[in-house]
N, C-alpha and C. Protein backbone atom coordinates (compact mmCIF):
# COMPACT_ATOMS: atom_id res chain seq x y z
N MET A 1 0.72 -7.68 13.88
CA MET A 1 -0.14 -6.63 13.49
C MET A 1 0.56 -5.75 12.37
N PHE A 2 -0.12 -5.17 11.13
CA PHE A 2 0.45 -4.42 10.49
C PHE A 2 -0.66 -3.34 9.95
N ASP A 3 -0.32 -2.22 9.36
CA ASP A 3 -0.96 -1.09 8.84
C ASP A 3 -0.87 -1.28 7.21
N ILE A 4 -2.29 -0.63 6.58
CA ILE A 4 -2.31 -0.44 5.42
C ILE A 4 -2.30 1.06 4.78
N ILE A 5 -1.70 1.46 4.07
CA ILE A 5 -2.14 2.93 3.69
C ILE A 5 -2.58 2.89 2.04
N LEU A 6 -3.55 3.44 2.01
CA LEU A 6 -4.28 3.24 0.61
C LEU A 6 -3.69 4.66 0.10
N ASN A 7 -2.98 5.00 -1.22
CA ASN A 7 -2.73 6.08 -1.72
C ASN A 7 -3.71 6.31 -2.98
N LEU A 8 -4.77 6.87 -3.11
CA LEU A 8 -5.62 7.14 -4.18
C LEU A 8 -4.95 7.98 -5.41
N LYS A 9 -5.59 7.82 -6.44
CA LYS A 9 -5.06 8.74 -7.53
C LYS A 9 -5.13 10.11 -7.55
N ASN A 10 -6.46 10.44 -6.48
CA ASN A 10 -6.57 11.92 -6.28
C ASN A 10 -5.95 12.50 -5.30
N GLY A 11 -5.15 11.54 -5.09
CA GLY A 11 -3.93 12.01 -3.77
C GLY A 11 -4.66 11.89 -2.20
N GLN A 12 -5.78 11.37 -2.22
CA GLN A 12 -6.31 10.96 -0.89
C GLN A 12 -5.48 9.93 -0.50
N GLN A 13 -5.45 9.85 1.00
CA GLN A 13 -4.68 8.73 1.51
C GLN A 13 -5.56 8.31 2.82
N HIS A 14 -5.49 6.92 2.77
CA HIS A 14 -6.35 6.50 4.09
C HIS A 14 -5.50 5.49 4.58
N THR A 15 -5.56 5.36 5.82
CA THR A 15 -4.96 4.57 6.60
C THR A 15 -5.46 3.60 7.44
N PHE A 16 -5.44 2.38 7.50
CA PHE A 16 -6.00 1.23 8.47
C PHE A 16 -4.91 0.76 9.29
N SER A 17 -5.12 0.64 10.50
CA SER A 17 -4.00 0.44 11.38
C SER A 17 -4.55 -1.11 12.41
N GLY A 18 -3.44 -1.58 12.76
CA GLY A 18 -3.54 -2.36 13.88
C GLY A 18 -4.23 -3.95 12.88
N ILE A 19 -4.08 -4.41 11.87
CA ILE A 19 -4.62 -5.36 10.98
C ILE A 19 -4.01 -6.66 11.45
N ASP A 20 -4.63 -7.87 11.98
CA ASP A 20 -3.93 -8.97 12.13
C ASP A 20 -3.01 -9.48 11.03
N LYS A 21 -1.80 -9.93 11.38
CA LYS A 21 -0.80 -10.27 10.41
C LYS A 21 -1.24 -11.49 9.46
N LYS A 22 -2.13 -12.33 10.20
CA LYS A 22 -2.71 -13.43 9.19
C LYS A 22 -3.44 -13.01 8.13
N GLU A 23 -4.01 -11.83 8.18
CA GLU A 23 -4.94 -11.23 7.00
C GLU A 23 -4.13 -10.64 6.03
N GLN A 24 -2.76 -10.54 5.94
CA GLN A 24 -1.88 -9.64 5.12
C GLN A 24 -1.84 -10.54 3.88
N LYS A 25 -1.75 -11.78 3.77
CA LYS A 25 -1.73 -12.55 2.34
C LYS A 25 -2.88 -12.32 1.60
N ILE A 26 -4.36 -12.59 2.37
CA ILE A 26 -5.39 -12.35 1.45
C ILE A 26 -5.72 -11.03 1.32
N ILE A 27 -5.36 -10.03 1.98
CA ILE A 27 -5.40 -8.68 1.50
C ILE A 27 -4.64 -8.18 0.55
N THR A 28 -3.20 -8.82 0.47
CA THR A 28 -2.25 -8.77 -0.74
C THR A 28 -2.74 -9.44 -1.66
N GLU A 29 -3.21 -10.58 -1.87
CA GLU A 29 -3.98 -11.61 -2.91
C GLU A 29 -5.29 -10.59 -3.67
N TYR A 30 -5.96 -10.00 -2.74
CA TYR A 30 -6.83 -9.20 -3.52
C TYR A 30 -6.80 -7.92 -4.15
N PHE A 31 -5.64 -7.08 -3.57
CA PHE A 31 -5.31 -6.07 -4.21
C PHE A 31 -4.48 -6.46 -5.74
N ASN A 32 -3.92 -7.60 -5.29
CA ASN A 32 -2.92 -7.71 -6.65
C ASN A 32 -3.99 -8.55 -7.73
N GLY A 33 -5.06 -9.02 -7.28
CA GLY A 33 -6.00 -9.61 -8.06
C GLY A 33 -6.88 -8.13 -8.94
N LYS A 34 -7.12 -7.28 -8.22
CA LYS A 34 -7.67 -6.07 -8.88
C LYS A 34 -6.54 -5.20 -9.77
N LYS A 35 -5.36 -5.49 -9.74
CA LYS A 35 -4.20 -5.00 -10.24
C LYS A 35 -3.71 -3.80 -9.80
N ILE A 36 -4.07 -3.57 -8.56
CA ILE A 36 -3.63 -2.51 -7.58
C ILE A 36 -2.34 -2.83 -7.06
N PRO A 37 -1.34 -1.77 -7.60
CA PRO A 37 0.22 -1.84 -7.12
C PRO A 37 0.12 -2.03 -5.31
N VAL A 38 1.13 -2.96 -5.03
CA VAL A 38 1.35 -3.27 -3.32
C VAL A 38 2.86 -3.08 -3.19
N LYS A 39 3.32 -2.43 -2.26
CA LYS A 39 4.51 -2.15 -1.36
C LYS A 39 4.54 -2.65 -0.42
N THR A 40 5.66 -3.52 0.20
CA THR A 40 5.61 -3.89 1.57
C THR A 40 6.60 -2.89 1.98
N VAL A 41 6.45 -2.06 3.09
CA VAL A 41 7.51 -1.47 4.01
C VAL A 41 7.99 -2.08 5.23
N ASN A 42 9.10 -2.47 5.62
CA ASN A 42 9.33 -3.00 6.83
C ASN A 42 9.72 -2.04 7.98
N ASP A 43 9.79 -0.79 7.38
CA ASP A 43 10.37 0.20 8.57
C ASP A 43 9.50 1.67 7.91
N MET A 44 9.01 2.45 9.07
CA MET A 44 8.30 3.35 8.61
C MET A 44 9.16 4.54 8.07
N ASN A 45 10.52 4.37 8.74
CA ASN A 45 11.66 5.51 8.00
C ASN A 45 11.69 5.32 6.49
N THR A 46 11.49 4.30 6.00
CA THR A 46 11.60 3.81 4.44
C THR A 46 10.29 4.47 3.72
N TYR A 47 9.55 4.68 4.48
CA TYR A 47 8.05 5.17 3.81
C TYR A 47 7.92 6.24 2.85
N GLY A 48 8.76 7.21 3.05
CA GLY A 48 9.11 8.40 2.19
C GLY A 48 9.86 8.08 0.90
N ASP A 49 10.85 7.02 1.35
CA ASP A 49 11.74 6.77 0.21
C ASP A 49 10.96 6.00 -0.84
N GLU A 50 9.78 4.94 -0.45
CA GLU A 50 9.18 4.20 -1.05
C GLU A 50 8.10 4.89 -1.97
N LEU A 51 7.56 5.96 -1.46
CA LEU A 51 6.62 6.70 -2.14
C LEU A 51 7.48 7.66 -3.33
N SER A 52 8.81 8.04 -2.83
CA SER A 52 9.33 8.65 -3.98
C SER A 52 9.83 7.59 -5.44
N ASP A 53 9.80 6.60 -4.96
CA ASP A 53 9.78 5.44 -5.95
C ASP A 53 8.87 5.43 -6.95
N GLU A 54 7.47 5.91 -6.62
CA GLU A 54 6.43 5.65 -7.34
C GLU A 54 6.70 6.14 -8.87
N ASP A 55 6.01 5.70 -9.85
CA ASP A 55 5.81 6.12 -11.15
C ASP A 55 4.66 7.19 -10.98
N GLU A 56 4.96 8.50 -11.43
CA GLU A 56 3.80 9.52 -11.49
C GLU A 56 2.85 9.22 -12.39
N ASP A 57 3.13 8.74 -13.64
CA ASP A 57 2.44 8.38 -14.70
C ASP A 57 1.52 7.12 -14.67
N ASP A 58 1.61 6.21 -13.75
CA ASP A 58 0.87 5.36 -13.56
C ASP A 58 -0.56 5.36 -13.68
N GLU A 59 -1.30 4.55 -14.59
CA GLU A 59 -2.61 4.69 -14.64
C GLU A 59 -3.47 3.60 -13.92
N GLY A 60 -2.99 3.27 -12.94
CA GLY A 60 -3.59 2.00 -11.91
C GLY A 60 -4.39 2.89 -10.97
N ALA A 61 -5.33 2.28 -9.97
CA ALA A 61 -5.94 2.85 -9.25
C ALA A 61 -5.49 3.61 -7.98
N GLY A 62 -4.26 3.36 -7.86
CA GLY A 62 -3.37 3.96 -6.84
C GLY A 62 -2.20 2.87 -6.22
N THR A 63 -2.28 3.10 -4.84
CA THR A 63 -0.99 2.31 -4.38
C THR A 63 -1.41 1.82 -2.96
N VAL A 64 -1.09 0.72 -2.75
CA VAL A 64 -1.38 0.07 -1.49
C VAL A 64 0.25 -0.02 -0.74
N ILE A 65 0.06 0.75 0.39
CA ILE A 65 1.85 0.42 1.45
C ILE A 65 1.24 -0.67 2.45
N LEU A 66 1.85 -1.54 2.52
CA LEU A 66 1.82 -2.39 3.66
C LEU A 66 2.85 -2.17 4.61
N PHE A 67 3.03 -1.86 5.81
CA PHE A 67 3.90 -2.02 6.95
C PHE A 67 3.77 -2.59 8.30
């Protein structure tokens, strides 16, 4: 199982929990196809570090965090 956090450009955040691991590749390919940045975080403790590395000037649709 894994979780997805969608960080929208307007600052909203949506979390989807308990997704079957076999769906991860399909979901990642979908977001990559839409040119939405995807970051994979293996440990929730590094989640804040991953967010601080984001480029604030990015013109994309937002960011997807997988953990």
